[in-house]
C-alpha atoms as a PDB file:
ATOM      1  CA  MET A   1       0.048  -0.044  -0.032  1.00  0.00           C
ATOM      2  CA  ARG A   2       2.707   2.451   0.735  1.00  0.00           C
ATOM      3  CA  THR A   3       4.260   2.331  -2.776  1.00  0.00           C
ATOM      4  CA  ASP A   4       0.947   3.169  -4.074  1.00  0.00           C
ATOM      5  CA  ILE A   5       0.665   6.460  -1.942  1.00  0.00           C
ATOM      6  CA  GLU A   6       4.529   7.318  -3.017  1.00  0.00           C
ATOM      7  CA  GLU A   7       3.673   6.698  -6.672  1.00  0.00           C
ATOM      8  CA  ARG A   8       0.497   8.677  -6.479  1.00  0.00           C
ATOM      9  CA  ALA A   9       2.314  11.561  -4.870  1.00  0.00           C
ATOM     10  CA  CYS A  10       5.187  11.507  -7.312  1.00  0.00           C
ATOM     11  CA  ASP A  11       2.504  11.441 -10.383  1.00  0.00           C
ATOM     12  CA  LEU A  12       0.679  14.423  -8.854  1.00  0.00           C
ATOM     13  CA  ALA A  13       3.866  16.285  -8.532  1.00  0.00           C
ATOM     14  CA  LEU A  14       5.038  15.716 -12.096  1.00  0.00           C
ATOM     15  CA  TYR A  15       1.591  16.623 -13.398  1.00  0.00           C
ATOM     16  CA  ILE A  16       1.502  19.803 -11.564  1.00  0.00           C
ATOM     17  CA  ILE A  17       4.912  20.670 -12.548  1.00  0.00           C
ATOM     18  CA  GLU A  18       4.502  19.834 -16.256  1.00  0.00           C
ATOM     19  CA  HIS A  19       1.323  21.676 -16.631  1.00  0.00           C
ATOM     20  CA  GLN A  20       1.699  24.296 -14.079  1.00  0.00           C
ATOM     21  CA  ALA A  21      -1.670  22.975 -12.744  1.00  0.00           C
ATOM     22  CA  THR A  22      -3.516  23.872  -9.471  1.00  0.00           C
ATOM     23  CA  VAL A  23      -4.593  21.618  -6.793  1.00  0.00           C
ATOM     24  CA  ARG A  24      -7.900  21.706  -8.010  1.00  0.00           C
ATOM     25  CA  THR A  25      -7.141  20.609 -11.505  1.00  0.00           C
ATOM     26  CA  ALA A  26      -4.842  17.850 -10.453  1.00  0.00           C
ATOM     27  CA  ALA A  27      -7.460  16.475  -7.973  1.00  0.00           C
ATOM     28  CA  LYS A  28     -10.068  16.432 -10.792  1.00  0.00           C
ATOM     29  CA  GLN A  29      -7.562  14.731 -13.050  1.00  0.00           C
ATOM     30  CA  PHE A  30      -6.634  12.113 -10.673  1.00  0.00           C
ATOM     31  CA  GLY A  31     -10.217  11.684  -9.484  1.00  0.00           C
ATOM     32  CA  ILE A  32      -9.382  12.419  -5.770  1.00  0.00           C
ATOM     33  CA  SER A  33     -10.072  15.052  -3.271  1.00  0.00           C
ATOM     34  CA  LYS A  34      -8.206  18.330  -3.217  1.00  0.00           C
ATOM     35  CA  SER A  35      -7.300  17.600   0.528  1.00  0.00           C
ATOM     36  CA  THR A  36      -5.727  14.199  -0.672  1.00  0.00           C
ATOM     37  CA  VAL A  37      -3.489  16.200  -3.212  1.00  0.00           C
ATOM     38  CA  HIS A  38      -2.664  18.639  -0.666  1.00  0.00           C
ATOM     39  CA  LYS A  39      -1.613  16.208   1.927  1.00  0.00           C
ATOM     40  CA  ASP A  40       0.284  13.985  -0.607  1.00  0.00           C
ATOM     41  CA  LEU A  41       2.320  17.046  -1.784  1.00  0.00           C
ATOM     42  CA  SER A  42       3.011  18.812   1.346  1.00  0.00           C
ATOM     43  CA  GLN A  43       3.348  15.918   3.911  1.00  0.00           C
ATOM     44  CA  ARG A  44       4.099  12.607   2.034  1.00  0.00           C
ATOM     45  CA  LEU A  45       6.311  13.825  -0.798  1.00  0.00           C
ATOM     46  CA  PRO A  46       9.003  15.505   1.215  1.00  0.00           C
ATOM     47  CA  ALA A  47       9.558  12.302   3.051  1.00  0.00           C
ATOM     48  CA  PHE A  48      10.837  10.272   0.199  1.00  0.00           C
ATOM     49  CA  ASN A  49      11.618  12.730  -2.581  1.00  0.00           C
ATOM     50  CA  LYS A  50      12.736  15.994  -1.372  1.00  0.00           C
ATOM     51  CA  PRO A  51      14.071  17.503  -4.649  1.00  0.00           C
ATOM     52  CA  LEU A  52      10.660  16.879  -6.415  1.00  0.00           C
ATOM     53  CA  TYR A  53       8.741  18.368  -3.477  1.00  0.00           C
ATOM     54  CA  LEU A  54      11.001  21.699  -3.795  1.00  0.00           C
ATOM     55  CA  GLN A  55      10.014  21.923  -7.571  1.00  0.00           C
ATOM     56  CA  VAL A  56       6.363  21.270  -6.958  1.00  0.00           C
ATOM     57  CA  LYS A  57       6.390  23.781  -3.897  1.00  0.00           C
ATOM     58  CA  GLN A  58       7.533  26.428  -6.476  1.00  0.00           C
ATOM     59  CA  VAL A  59       4.700  26.023  -8.527  1.00  0.00           C
ATOM     60  CA  LEU A  60       2.116  25.882  -5.880  1.00  0.00           C
ATOM     61  CA  GLU A  61       3.490  29.227  -4.265  1.00  0.00           C
ATOM     62  CA  VAL A  62       3.043  30.778  -7.769  1.00  0.00           C
ATOM     63  CA  ASN A  63      -0.536  29.635  -7.960  1.00  0.00           C
ATOM     64  CA  LYS A  64      -1.516  30.674  -4.437  1.00  0.00           C
ATOM     65  CA  ALA A  65       0.098  34.135  -5.387  1.00  0.00           C
ATOM     66  CA  GLU A  66      -2.295  34.309  -8.234  1.00  0.00           C
ATOM     67  CA  ARG A  67      -5.437  32.836  -6.793  1.00  0.00           C
ATOM     68  CA  HIS A  68      -7.122  36.234  -6.279  1.00  0.00           C
ATOM     69  CA  ILE A  69      -6.602  37.338  -9.748  1.00  0.00           C
ATOM     70  CA  ARG A  70      -8.101  33.997 -10.944  1.00  0.00           C
ATOM     71  CA  GLY A  71     -10.997  34.398  -8.649  1.00  0.00           C
ATOM     72  CA  GLY A  72     -11.618  37.798 -10.084  1.00  0.00           C
ATOM     73  CA  ILE A  73     -11.517  36.689 -13.708  1.00  0.00           C
ATOM     74  CA  ALA A  74     -13.956  33.806 -12.744  1.00  0.00           C
ATOM     75  CA  THR A  75     -16.380  36.267 -11.191  1.00  0.00           C
ATOM     76  CA  ARG A  76     -16.098  38.620 -14.275  1.00  0.00           C
ATOM     77  CA  LYS A  77     -16.821  35.783 -16.540  1.00  0.00           C
ATOM     78  CA  LYS A  78     -19.801  34.711 -14.512  1.00  0.00           C
ATOM     79  CA  TYR A  79     -21.387  38.023 -14.414  1.00  0.00           C
ATOM     80  CA  LYS A  80     -20.514  39.145 -17.986  1.00  0.00           C
ATOM     81  CA  GLY A  81     -21.945  36.077 -19.607  1.00  0.00           C
ATOM     82  CA  ASP A  82     -18.826  34.806 -21.278  1.00  0.00           C
END
């Protein structure tokens, strides 16, 4: 069971790095919850693959910094009818 979790965490990290994806899009892609993605990446991944964790952490920090902008764009689209 442990290798499945480690493999999933690595797959999630690679997907997020390659696609510059958010936690939400990765969760949809893999069919799991956002909290599972977050736990895999923030707690499990550093325990066995620190270099990959550092790469994915950079992408997640950029996403976190831009989330208020994405939210504004989504709201604008919602009320504009696009």
